[in-house]
Amino acid sequence: MKNLFRLSTFVALLATVAMVGCKKAEKLPKGEEEVNIPCSGSDYFTSNKVFRANSLGESQDLVTSKKKALTNARNDLAQAISTTVKTVTDNYVNSREMNNKEDVEERFESLNREVVDQTLTGIRTICEKQVKTSSGAFKTYIAIELSADELVKQYNERLSKDERLKIDYDYEKFKETFDKEMEKRAKGN
């Protein structure tokens, strides 16, 4: 009985090792190899709590490569924020069924540009790696993030100051609409 138990345990262990080995041995098409890019991948995706973007910059000068990477990442982040806030605004305005819908949408769009420009100063670098290539150039890989709560806070402050929007503005409804959109974005990654 002991030997049968040992044998079945050994067979189960062997099967487990074989299954794990098969998963690791996935073959790529001939002539292709996997590239691992620093500061990218699922750890650097936008979630329901933060907007994230990553990029790289290359230059003969180390500082310039970093500036290029940061500028590219900031542009990607601004675009993602603008797209999300535009969707939130459209959904929010439609759900509120405001009489002056067109005027409200125009005011939100104007506010969106201002807040995105202002809020990008609150970004945080979450990954940065510099490498020197075989040709002597420098590459900087960078990933940045911005708190979704900080963005909503900035919107609330700006919306609360706009006399025409303040009449129709409901922070809780806006936040709820924003959180739903962030959940969708997080699931889309």
N, C-alpha and C. Protein backbone atom coordinates (compact mmCIF):
# COMPACT_ATOMS: atom_id res chain seq x y z
N MET A 1 0.82 -1.19 0.00
CA MET A 1 0.00 0.00 0.00
C MET A 1 0.87 1.26 0.00
N LYS A 2 1.94 1.25 0.82
CA LYS A 2 2.84 2.39 0.86
C LYS A 2 3.48 2.63 -0.50
N ASN A 3 3.89 1.53 -1.14
CA ASN A 3 4.53 1.67 -2.45
C ASN A 3 3.55 2.23 -3.48
N LEU A 4 2.28 1.82 -3.41
CA LEU A 4 1.27 2.32 -4.34
C LEU A 4 1.05 3.82 -4.12
N PHE A 5 1.02 4.23 -2.86
CA PHE A 5 0.86 5.65 -2.53
C PHE A 5 2.06 6.46 -3.05
N ARG A 6 3.28 5.95 -2.82
CA ARG A 6 4.49 6.62 -3.30
C ARG A 6 4.49 6.73 -4.83
N LEU A 7 4.08 5.64 -5.47
CA LEU A 7 4.05 5.61 -6.93
C LEU A 7 3.05 6.64 -7.47
N SER A 8 1.85 6.70 -6.85
CA SER A 8 0.84 7.66 -7.33
C SER A 8 1.28 9.10 -7.06
N THR A 9 1.95 9.33 -5.95
CA THR A 9 2.48 10.66 -5.64
C THR A 9 3.55 11.05 -6.65
N PHE A 10 4.42 10.09 -6.98
CA PHE A 10 5.48 10.35 -7.95
C PHE A 10 4.89 10.65 -9.33
N VAL A 11 3.89 9.90 -9.75
CA VAL A 11 3.24 10.12 -11.05
C VAL A 11 2.56 11.49 -11.08
N ALA A 12 1.89 11.86 -9.99
CA ALA A 12 1.23 13.18 -9.92
C ALA A 12 2.26 14.29 -10.01
N LEU A 13 3.37 14.15 -9.30
CA LEU A 13 4.42 15.14 -9.33
C LEU A 13 5.03 15.25 -10.73
N LEU A 14 5.27 14.11 -11.37
CA LEU A 14 5.81 14.09 -12.72
C LEU A 14 4.87 14.77 -13.71
N ALA A 15 3.58 14.53 -13.58
CA ALA A 15 2.57 15.15 -14.46
C ALA A 15 2.56 16.67 -14.27
N THR A 16 2.66 17.11 -13.03
CA THR A 16 2.69 18.54 -12.74
C THR A 16 3.91 19.20 -13.37
N VAL A 17 5.07 18.59 -13.22
CA VAL A 17 6.30 19.12 -13.80
C VAL A 17 6.18 19.16 -15.32
N ALA A 18 5.61 18.15 -15.91
CA ALA A 18 5.45 18.10 -17.37
C ALA A 18 4.53 19.22 -17.86
N MET A 19 3.43 19.47 -17.12
CA MET A 19 2.51 20.53 -17.53
C MET A 19 3.17 21.90 -17.43
N VAL A 20 3.90 22.15 -16.35
CA VAL A 20 4.58 23.43 -16.18
C VAL A 20 5.64 23.58 -17.27
N GLY A 21 6.37 22.53 -17.56
CA GLY A 21 7.39 22.56 -18.60
C GLY A 21 6.81 22.87 -19.96
N CYS A 22 5.63 22.36 -20.25
CA CYS A 22 4.99 22.61 -21.55
C CYS A 22 4.63 24.07 -21.70
N LYS A 23 4.18 24.68 -20.62
CA LYS A 23 3.80 26.08 -20.70
C LYS A 23 5.01 26.97 -20.97
N LYS A 24 6.14 26.64 -20.38
CA LYS A 24 7.34 27.45 -20.56
C LYS A 24 7.94 27.26 -21.95
N ALA A 25 7.68 26.12 -22.55
CA ALA A 25 8.32 25.80 -23.81
C ALA A 25 7.52 26.26 -25.03
N GLU A 26 6.66 27.25 -24.87
CA GLU A 26 5.92 27.76 -26.01
C GLU A 26 6.91 28.30 -27.03
N LYS A 27 6.75 27.84 -28.26
CA LYS A 27 7.67 28.22 -29.32
C LYS A 27 7.15 29.43 -30.07
N LEU A 28 8.05 30.33 -30.38
CA LEU A 28 7.74 31.47 -31.23
C LEU A 28 8.01 31.06 -32.68
N PRO A 29 7.38 31.75 -33.61
CA PRO A 29 7.66 31.44 -35.02
C PRO A 29 9.15 31.58 -35.33
N LYS A 30 9.62 30.82 -36.29
CA LYS A 30 11.03 30.84 -36.67
C LYS A 30 11.46 32.26 -37.04
N GLY A 31 12.62 32.65 -36.55
CA GLY A 31 13.16 33.97 -36.85
C GLY A 31 12.68 35.06 -35.90
N GLU A 32 11.81 34.72 -34.95
CA GLU A 32 11.32 35.71 -33.99
C GLU A 32 11.82 35.38 -32.60
N GLU A 33 12.06 36.42 -31.84
CA GLU A 33 12.42 36.23 -30.44
C GLU A 33 11.69 37.26 -29.60
N GLU A 34 11.37 36.87 -28.38
CA GLU A 34 10.64 37.76 -27.49
C GLU A 34 11.55 38.89 -27.02
N VAL A 35 10.97 40.09 -26.96
CA VAL A 35 11.71 41.26 -26.49
C VAL A 35 11.07 41.72 -25.19
N ASN A 36 11.86 41.85 -24.17
CA ASN A 36 11.38 42.37 -22.89
C ASN A 36 11.78 43.83 -22.79
N ILE A 37 10.78 44.70 -22.76
CA ILE A 37 11.03 46.13 -22.73
C ILE A 37 10.92 46.62 -21.29
N PRO A 38 11.96 47.26 -20.79
CA PRO A 38 11.91 47.77 -19.41
C PRO A 38 10.74 48.76 -19.23
N CYS A 39 10.22 48.82 -18.04
CA CYS A 39 9.17 49.77 -17.65
C CYS A 39 7.89 49.60 -18.47
N SER A 40 7.61 48.40 -18.93
CA SER A 40 6.38 48.14 -19.66
C SER A 40 5.81 46.80 -19.23
N GLY A 41 4.62 46.50 -19.68
CA GLY A 41 3.95 45.27 -19.31
C GLY A 41 2.80 45.53 -18.36
N SER A 42 2.21 44.47 -17.89
CA SER A 42 0.98 44.58 -17.10
C SER A 42 1.14 45.37 -15.80
N ASP A 43 2.33 45.41 -15.24
CA ASP A 43 2.55 46.20 -14.02
C ASP A 43 2.44 47.69 -14.29
N TYR A 44 2.46 48.07 -15.55
CA TYR A 44 2.45 49.49 -15.91
C TYR A 44 1.20 49.89 -16.68
N PHE A 45 0.14 49.08 -16.58
CA PHE A 45 -1.14 49.40 -17.22
C PHE A 45 -1.94 50.34 -16.32
N THR A 46 -2.82 51.13 -16.94
CA THR A 46 -3.76 51.94 -16.19
C THR A 46 -4.68 51.02 -15.41
N SER A 47 -4.98 51.40 -14.18
CA SER A 47 -5.90 50.62 -13.35
C SER A 47 -7.09 51.52 -13.00
N ASN A 48 -7.94 51.03 -12.11
CA ASN A 48 -9.07 51.86 -11.70
C ASN A 48 -8.64 52.95 -10.70
N LYS A 49 -7.40 52.94 -10.27
CA LYS A 49 -6.91 53.93 -9.30
C LYS A 49 -5.92 54.93 -9.90
N VAL A 50 -5.23 54.54 -10.98
CA VAL A 50 -4.21 55.40 -11.56
C VAL A 50 -4.22 55.31 -13.08
N PHE A 51 -3.86 56.43 -13.70
CA PHE A 51 -3.57 56.45 -15.13
C PHE A 51 -2.08 56.19 -15.24
N ARG A 52 -1.68 55.36 -16.21
CA ARG A 52 -0.26 55.08 -16.41
C ARG A 52 0.09 55.17 -17.89
N ALA A 53 1.33 55.52 -18.15
CA ALA A 53 1.85 55.54 -19.52
C ALA A 53 3.34 55.25 -19.44
N ASN A 54 3.85 54.67 -20.53
CA ASN A 54 5.29 54.44 -20.59
C ASN A 54 5.80 54.74 -21.99
N SER A 55 7.09 54.98 -22.07
CA SER A 55 7.67 55.31 -23.36
C SER A 55 9.18 55.17 -23.27
N LEU A 56 9.82 55.45 -24.40
CA LEU A 56 11.27 55.47 -24.42
C LEU A 56 11.75 56.64 -25.25
N GLY A 57 12.95 57.05 -24.96
CA GLY A 57 13.58 58.12 -25.73
C GLY A 57 15.01 57.72 -26.01
N GLU A 58 15.50 58.09 -27.18
CA GLU A 58 16.87 57.74 -27.55
C GLU A 58 17.59 58.98 -28.07
N SER A 59 18.85 59.11 -27.66
CA SER A 59 19.65 60.26 -28.07
C SER A 59 21.13 59.94 -27.83
N GLN A 60 21.99 60.75 -28.42
CA GLN A 60 23.42 60.65 -28.16
C GLN A 60 23.75 61.22 -26.78
N ASP A 61 22.78 61.97 -26.21
CA ASP A 61 22.94 62.60 -24.90
C ASP A 61 21.98 61.96 -23.90
N LEU A 62 22.48 61.57 -22.75
CA LEU A 62 21.66 60.89 -21.74
C LEU A 62 20.48 61.74 -21.29
N VAL A 63 20.71 63.01 -21.00
CA VAL A 63 19.64 63.91 -20.51
C VAL A 63 18.57 64.07 -21.59
N THR A 64 18.99 64.20 -22.83
CA THR A 64 18.02 64.37 -23.92
C THR A 64 17.19 63.10 -24.10
N SER A 65 17.80 61.93 -23.93
CA SER A 65 17.02 60.68 -24.04
C SER A 65 15.94 60.63 -22.96
N LYS A 66 16.28 61.10 -21.76
CA LYS A 66 15.30 61.12 -20.67
C LYS A 66 14.18 62.12 -20.97
N LYS A 67 14.54 63.30 -21.46
CA LYS A 67 13.53 64.31 -21.79
C LYS A 67 12.58 63.78 -22.87
N LYS A 68 13.11 63.11 -23.88
CA LYS A 68 12.28 62.55 -24.94
C LYS A 68 11.31 61.50 -24.37
N ALA A 69 11.84 60.61 -23.55
CA ALA A 69 11.00 59.55 -22.96
C ALA A 69 9.89 60.15 -22.11
N LEU A 70 10.25 61.13 -21.28
CA LEU A 70 9.27 61.75 -20.39
C LEU A 70 8.22 62.52 -21.18
N THR A 71 8.63 63.24 -22.21
CA THR A 71 7.69 63.99 -23.05
C THR A 71 6.71 63.04 -23.74
N ASN A 72 7.23 61.95 -24.31
CA ASN A 72 6.36 60.97 -24.97
C ASN A 72 5.37 60.35 -24.00
N ALA A 73 5.86 59.98 -22.81
CA ALA A 73 4.98 59.35 -21.80
C ALA A 73 3.93 60.35 -21.33
N ARG A 74 4.32 61.59 -21.10
CA ARG A 74 3.36 62.62 -20.66
C ARG A 74 2.28 62.85 -21.72
N ASN A 75 2.68 62.88 -22.99
CA ASN A 75 1.71 63.04 -24.08
C ASN A 75 0.72 61.87 -24.12
N ASP A 76 1.24 60.66 -23.97
CA ASP A 76 0.36 59.48 -23.94
C ASP A 76 -0.60 59.54 -22.75
N LEU A 77 -0.07 59.96 -21.60
CA LEU A 77 -0.89 60.06 -20.40
C LEU A 77 -1.97 61.12 -20.58
N ALA A 78 -1.61 62.26 -21.12
CA ALA A 78 -2.59 63.34 -21.35
C ALA A 78 -3.68 62.89 -22.30
N GLN A 79 -3.30 62.17 -23.33
CA GLN A 79 -4.29 61.68 -24.30
C GLN A 79 -5.25 60.68 -23.64
N ALA A 80 -4.71 59.78 -22.83
CA ALA A 80 -5.56 58.80 -22.14
C ALA A 80 -6.52 59.49 -21.19
N ILE A 81 -6.03 60.49 -20.46
CA ILE A 81 -6.88 61.23 -19.53
C ILE A 81 -7.96 61.98 -20.29
N SER A 82 -7.58 62.66 -21.36
CA SER A 82 -8.55 63.42 -22.15
C SER A 82 -9.65 62.53 -22.70
N THR A 83 -9.26 61.38 -23.23
CA THR A 83 -10.25 60.44 -23.77
C THR A 83 -11.20 59.96 -22.68
N THR A 84 -10.65 59.60 -21.55
CA THR A 84 -11.48 59.11 -20.44
C THR A 84 -12.41 60.21 -19.94
N VAL A 85 -11.88 61.40 -19.74
CA VAL A 85 -12.71 62.48 -19.20
C VAL A 85 -13.78 62.89 -20.21
N LYS A 86 -13.46 62.85 -21.48
CA LYS A 86 -14.46 63.16 -22.52
C LYS A 86 -15.62 62.16 -22.42
N THR A 87 -15.31 60.89 -22.28
CA THR A 87 -16.34 59.86 -22.13
C THR A 87 -17.15 60.08 -20.85
N VAL A 88 -16.45 60.36 -19.76
CA VAL A 88 -17.12 60.62 -18.49
C VAL A 88 -18.04 61.83 -18.62
N THR A 89 -17.53 62.89 -19.23
CA THR A 89 -18.32 64.11 -19.41
C THR A 89 -19.57 63.84 -20.22
N ASP A 90 -19.40 63.15 -21.34
CA ASP A 90 -20.56 62.82 -22.18
C ASP A 90 -21.60 62.02 -21.40
N ASN A 91 -21.13 61.00 -20.69
CA ASN A 91 -22.05 60.16 -19.91
C ASN A 91 -22.69 60.95 -18.77
N TYR A 92 -21.89 61.77 -18.11
CA TYR A 92 -22.39 62.57 -16.99
C TYR A 92 -23.45 63.57 -17.47
N VAL A 93 -23.14 64.31 -18.52
CA VAL A 93 -24.08 65.31 -19.03
C VAL A 93 -25.36 64.64 -19.51
N ASN A 94 -25.23 63.52 -20.23
CA ASN A 94 -26.42 62.81 -20.71
C ASN A 94 -27.25 62.26 -19.56
N SER A 95 -26.60 61.77 -18.52
CA SER A 95 -27.36 61.20 -17.39
C SER A 95 -28.05 62.29 -16.57
N ARG A 96 -27.48 63.50 -16.61
CA ARG A 96 -28.07 64.61 -15.84
C ARG A 96 -29.22 65.27 -16.60
N GLU A 97 -29.31 65.06 -17.91
CA GLU A 97 -30.37 65.63 -18.74
C GLU A 97 -30.54 67.12 -18.48
N MET A 98 -29.47 67.85 -18.69
CA MET A 98 -29.47 69.29 -18.44
C MET A 98 -30.09 70.04 -19.62
N ASN A 99 -30.77 71.11 -19.31
CA ASN A 99 -31.42 71.92 -20.35
C ASN A 99 -30.40 72.58 -21.27
N ASN A 100 -29.30 73.01 -20.72
CA ASN A 100 -28.28 73.70 -21.51
C ASN A 100 -27.13 72.74 -21.85
N LYS A 101 -27.47 71.57 -22.32
CA LYS A 101 -26.52 70.48 -22.56
C LYS A 101 -25.34 70.91 -23.42
N GLU A 102 -25.59 71.60 -24.51
CA GLU A 102 -24.51 71.99 -25.41
C GLU A 102 -23.54 72.94 -24.73
N ASP A 103 -24.04 73.91 -24.00
CA ASP A 103 -23.20 74.85 -23.29
C ASP A 103 -22.39 74.13 -22.22
N VAL A 104 -23.02 73.22 -21.50
CA VAL A 104 -22.34 72.46 -20.44
C VAL A 104 -21.22 71.63 -21.05
N GLU A 105 -21.48 70.96 -22.19
CA GLU A 105 -20.44 70.15 -22.83
C GLU A 105 -19.26 71.01 -23.25
N GLU A 106 -19.52 72.18 -23.80
CA GLU A 106 -18.45 73.09 -24.21
C GLU A 106 -17.62 73.53 -23.00
N ARG A 107 -18.29 73.84 -21.90
CA ARG A 107 -17.59 74.28 -20.69
C ARG A 107 -16.73 73.14 -20.14
N PHE A 108 -17.27 71.90 -20.15
CA PHE A 108 -16.50 70.75 -19.68
C PHE A 108 -15.26 70.54 -20.56
N GLU A 109 -15.40 70.66 -21.87
CA GLU A 109 -14.25 70.46 -22.76
C GLU A 109 -13.16 71.49 -22.49
N SER A 110 -13.54 72.72 -22.29
CA SER A 110 -12.59 73.77 -21.98
C SER A 110 -11.90 73.47 -20.64
N LEU A 111 -12.68 73.08 -19.68
CA LEU A 111 -12.16 72.73 -18.36
C LEU A 111 -11.22 71.54 -18.46
N ASN A 112 -11.57 70.58 -19.31
CA ASN A 112 -10.77 69.38 -19.49
C ASN A 112 -9.34 69.75 -19.89
N ARG A 113 -9.20 70.62 -20.87
CA ARG A 113 -7.86 71.02 -21.32
C ARG A 113 -7.09 71.69 -20.18
N GLU A 114 -7.75 72.57 -19.46
CA GLU A 114 -7.08 73.27 -18.36
C GLU A 114 -6.64 72.31 -17.26
N VAL A 115 -7.54 71.42 -16.88
CA VAL A 115 -7.24 70.51 -15.78
C VAL A 115 -6.15 69.52 -16.16
N VAL A 116 -6.19 69.00 -17.39
CA VAL A 116 -5.15 68.06 -17.82
C VAL A 116 -3.79 68.76 -17.79
N ASP A 117 -3.71 69.97 -18.32
CA ASP A 117 -2.44 70.70 -18.29
C ASP A 117 -1.96 70.92 -16.86
N GLN A 118 -2.87 71.30 -15.99
CA GLN A 118 -2.52 71.59 -14.59
C GLN A 118 -2.17 70.30 -13.83
N THR A 119 -2.92 69.24 -14.07
CA THR A 119 -2.76 68.02 -13.29
C THR A 119 -1.51 67.25 -13.66
N LEU A 120 -1.02 67.38 -14.87
CA LEU A 120 0.17 66.64 -15.27
C LEU A 120 1.38 66.99 -14.42
N THR A 121 1.30 68.08 -13.69
CA THR A 121 2.39 68.41 -12.78
C THR A 121 2.42 67.44 -11.60
N GLY A 122 1.34 66.69 -11.39
CA GLY A 122 1.26 65.75 -10.28
C GLY A 122 1.67 64.34 -10.64
N ILE A 123 2.28 64.14 -11.82
CA ILE A 123 2.66 62.77 -12.20
C ILE A 123 3.83 62.29 -11.36
N ARG A 124 3.91 60.98 -11.29
CA ARG A 124 4.96 60.32 -10.52
C ARG A 124 5.67 59.33 -11.43
N THR A 125 6.99 59.32 -11.42
CA THR A 125 7.76 58.34 -12.18
C THR A 125 7.78 57.04 -11.36
N ILE A 126 7.33 55.94 -11.98
CA ILE A 126 7.29 54.66 -11.26
C ILE A 126 8.35 53.69 -11.77
N CYS A 127 8.97 54.01 -12.90
CA CYS A 127 10.06 53.17 -13.41
C CYS A 127 10.91 54.03 -14.34
N GLU A 128 12.21 53.89 -14.21
CA GLU A 128 13.12 54.60 -15.11
C GLU A 128 14.40 53.79 -15.23
N LYS A 129 14.75 53.49 -16.47
CA LYS A 129 15.98 52.74 -16.73
C LYS A 129 16.69 53.37 -17.91
N GLN A 130 18.00 53.55 -17.75
CA GLN A 130 18.81 54.08 -18.84
C GLN A 130 19.80 53.01 -19.29
N VAL A 131 19.98 52.92 -20.60
CA VAL A 131 20.95 51.98 -21.15
C VAL A 131 21.77 52.69 -22.21
N LYS A 132 22.94 52.16 -22.45
CA LYS A 132 23.79 52.67 -23.52
C LYS A 132 23.82 51.58 -24.60
N THR A 133 23.52 51.96 -25.82
CA THR A 133 23.46 50.99 -26.92
C THR A 133 24.86 50.71 -27.45
N SER A 134 24.96 49.68 -28.27
CA SER A 134 26.26 49.33 -28.85
C SER A 134 26.79 50.43 -29.76
N SER A 135 25.91 51.28 -30.27
CA SER A 135 26.35 52.40 -31.14
C SER A 135 26.75 53.63 -30.32
N GLY A 136 26.63 53.55 -29.00
CA GLY A 136 27.03 54.67 -28.15
C GLY A 136 25.91 55.63 -27.80
N ALA A 137 24.70 55.38 -28.31
CA ALA A 137 23.55 56.23 -27.98
C ALA A 137 22.99 55.82 -26.61
N PHE A 138 22.18 56.68 -26.05
CA PHE A 138 21.52 56.39 -24.78
C PHE A 138 20.04 56.18 -25.03
N LYS A 139 19.47 55.24 -24.29
CA LYS A 139 18.02 55.02 -24.31
C LYS A 139 17.52 55.13 -22.88
N THR A 140 16.42 55.83 -22.73
CA THR A 140 15.76 55.91 -21.43
C THR A 140 14.38 55.31 -21.57
N TYR A 141 14.09 54.36 -20.71
CA TYR A 141 12.76 53.75 -20.62
C TYR A 141 12.12 54.34 -19.37
N ILE A 142 10.87 54.76 -19.50
CA ILE A 142 10.22 55.43 -18.37
C ILE A 142 8.75 55.04 -18.30
N ALA A 143 8.24 54.96 -17.09
CA ALA A 143 6.80 54.75 -16.86
C ALA A 143 6.37 55.76 -15.80
N ILE A 144 5.22 56.38 -16.05
CA ILE A 144 4.70 57.40 -15.13
C ILE A 144 3.26 57.07 -14.78
N GLU A 145 2.79 57.67 -13.69
CA GLU A 145 1.40 57.48 -13.31
C GLU A 145 0.85 58.75 -12.69
N LEU A 146 -0.49 58.82 -12.71
CA LEU A 146 -1.21 59.94 -12.11
C LEU A 146 -2.42 59.36 -11.38
N SER A 147 -2.61 59.76 -10.16
CA SER A 147 -3.72 59.28 -9.35
C SER A 147 -5.05 59.73 -9.94
N ALA A 148 -5.96 58.78 -10.13
CA ALA A 148 -7.30 59.11 -10.63
C ALA A 148 -8.04 59.97 -9.61
N ASP A 149 -7.85 59.70 -8.33
CA ASP A 149 -8.50 60.51 -7.29
C ASP A 149 -8.02 61.95 -7.33
N GLU A 150 -6.73 62.14 -7.60
CA GLU A 150 -6.18 63.50 -7.69
C GLU A 150 -6.80 64.23 -8.88
N LEU A 151 -6.99 63.51 -9.98
CA LEU A 151 -7.60 64.11 -11.16
C LEU A 151 -9.04 64.54 -10.86
N VAL A 152 -9.81 63.67 -10.23
CA VAL A 152 -11.20 63.99 -9.89
C VAL A 152 -11.24 65.18 -8.92
N LYS A 153 -10.30 65.21 -7.99
CA LYS A 153 -10.23 66.32 -7.04
C LYS A 153 -10.01 67.64 -7.78
N GLN A 154 -9.10 67.63 -8.76
CA GLN A 154 -8.83 68.83 -9.55
C GLN A 154 -10.07 69.26 -10.33
N TYR A 155 -10.78 68.29 -10.91
CA TYR A 155 -12.01 68.62 -11.63
C TYR A 155 -13.04 69.21 -10.69
N ASN A 156 -13.19 68.61 -9.53
CA ASN A 156 -14.17 69.12 -8.57
C ASN A 156 -13.87 70.57 -8.20
N GLU A 157 -12.60 70.85 -7.95
CA GLU A 157 -12.22 72.23 -7.59
C GLU A 157 -12.56 73.20 -8.72
N ARG A 158 -12.23 72.82 -9.96
CA ARG A 158 -12.48 73.71 -11.10
C ARG A 158 -13.96 73.84 -11.41
N LEU A 159 -14.68 72.72 -11.35
CA LEU A 159 -16.12 72.76 -11.65
C LEU A 159 -16.89 73.56 -10.60
N SER A 160 -16.44 73.45 -9.37
CA SER A 160 -17.11 74.17 -8.28
C SER A 160 -16.92 75.69 -8.40
N LYS A 161 -15.89 76.12 -9.10
CA LYS A 161 -15.61 77.55 -9.26
C LYS A 161 -16.34 78.15 -10.46
N ASP A 162 -16.83 77.31 -11.37
CA ASP A 162 -17.51 77.80 -12.58
C ASP A 162 -18.98 78.04 -12.23
N GLU A 163 -19.37 79.31 -12.20
CA GLU A 163 -20.72 79.68 -11.75
C GLU A 163 -21.83 79.03 -12.59
N ARG A 164 -21.63 78.96 -13.91
CA ARG A 164 -22.69 78.38 -14.74
C ARG A 164 -22.78 76.87 -14.55
N LEU A 165 -21.64 76.21 -14.37
CA LEU A 165 -21.66 74.76 -14.19
C LEU A 165 -22.06 74.36 -12.77
N LYS A 166 -21.73 75.20 -11.81
CA LYS A 166 -22.00 74.88 -10.41
C LYS A 166 -23.49 74.59 -10.17
N ILE A 167 -24.35 75.25 -10.91
CA ILE A 167 -25.80 75.07 -10.74
C ILE A 167 -26.21 73.63 -11.04
N ASP A 168 -25.63 73.07 -12.10
CA ASP A 168 -26.01 71.72 -12.53
C ASP A 168 -25.06 70.63 -12.04
N TYR A 169 -23.94 71.00 -11.45
CA TYR A 169 -22.90 70.04 -11.11
C TYR A 169 -23.22 69.26 -9.84
N ASP A 170 -23.08 67.94 -9.93
CA ASP A 170 -23.29 67.04 -8.80
C ASP A 170 -22.01 66.20 -8.67
N TYR A 171 -21.19 66.52 -7.67
CA TYR A 171 -19.90 65.85 -7.52
C TYR A 171 -20.05 64.34 -7.41
N GLU A 172 -20.96 63.88 -6.59
CA GLU A 172 -21.13 62.44 -6.37
C GLU A 172 -21.48 61.72 -7.68
N LYS A 173 -22.34 62.33 -8.47
CA LYS A 173 -22.73 61.73 -9.75
C LYS A 173 -21.52 61.73 -10.70
N PHE A 174 -20.77 62.83 -10.73
CA PHE A 174 -19.58 62.91 -11.59
C PHE A 174 -18.57 61.84 -11.17
N LYS A 175 -18.31 61.72 -9.87
CA LYS A 175 -17.35 60.75 -9.34
C LYS A 175 -17.80 59.33 -9.66
N GLU A 176 -19.07 59.05 -9.52
CA GLU A 176 -19.62 57.72 -9.82
C GLU A 176 -19.41 57.40 -11.32
N THR A 177 -19.70 58.35 -12.17
CA THR A 177 -19.51 58.17 -13.62
C THR A 177 -18.03 57.96 -13.93
N PHE A 178 -17.17 58.73 -13.29
CA PHE A 178 -15.73 58.62 -13.48
C PHE A 178 -15.23 57.25 -13.03
N ASP A 179 -15.65 56.79 -11.86
CA ASP A 179 -15.21 55.49 -11.33
C ASP A 179 -15.64 54.35 -12.25
N LYS A 180 -16.84 54.44 -12.81
CA LYS A 180 -17.31 53.40 -13.75
C LYS A 180 -16.42 53.35 -14.98
N GLU A 181 -16.05 54.50 -15.49
CA GLU A 181 -15.18 54.55 -16.67
C GLU A 181 -13.79 54.00 -16.35
N MET A 182 -13.26 54.29 -15.17
CA MET A 182 -11.96 53.76 -14.77
C MET A 182 -12.00 52.25 -14.64
N GLU A 183 -13.10 51.71 -14.13
CA GLU A 183 -13.26 50.26 -14.03
C GLU A 183 -13.20 49.63 -15.42
N LYS A 184 -13.90 50.27 -16.40
CA LYS A 184 -13.89 49.76 -17.77
C LYS A 184 -12.47 49.78 -18.34
N ARG A 185 -11.76 50.87 -18.09
CA ARG A 185 -10.38 50.98 -18.59
C ARG A 185 -9.48 49.90 -17.99
N ALA A 186 -9.66 49.65 -16.70
CA ALA A 186 -8.83 48.66 -16.02
C ALA A 186 -9.10 47.26 -16.57
N LYS A 187 -10.35 46.96 -16.88
CA LYS A 187 -10.70 45.65 -17.43
C LYS A 187 -10.24 45.50 -18.87
N GLY A 188 -10.10 46.63 -19.57
CA GLY A 188 -9.69 46.60 -20.97
C GLY A 188 -8.22 46.26 -21.15
N ASN A 189 -7.42 46.36 -20.09
CA ASN A 189 -5.97 46.07 -20.20
C ASN A 189 -5.69 44.61 -20.11
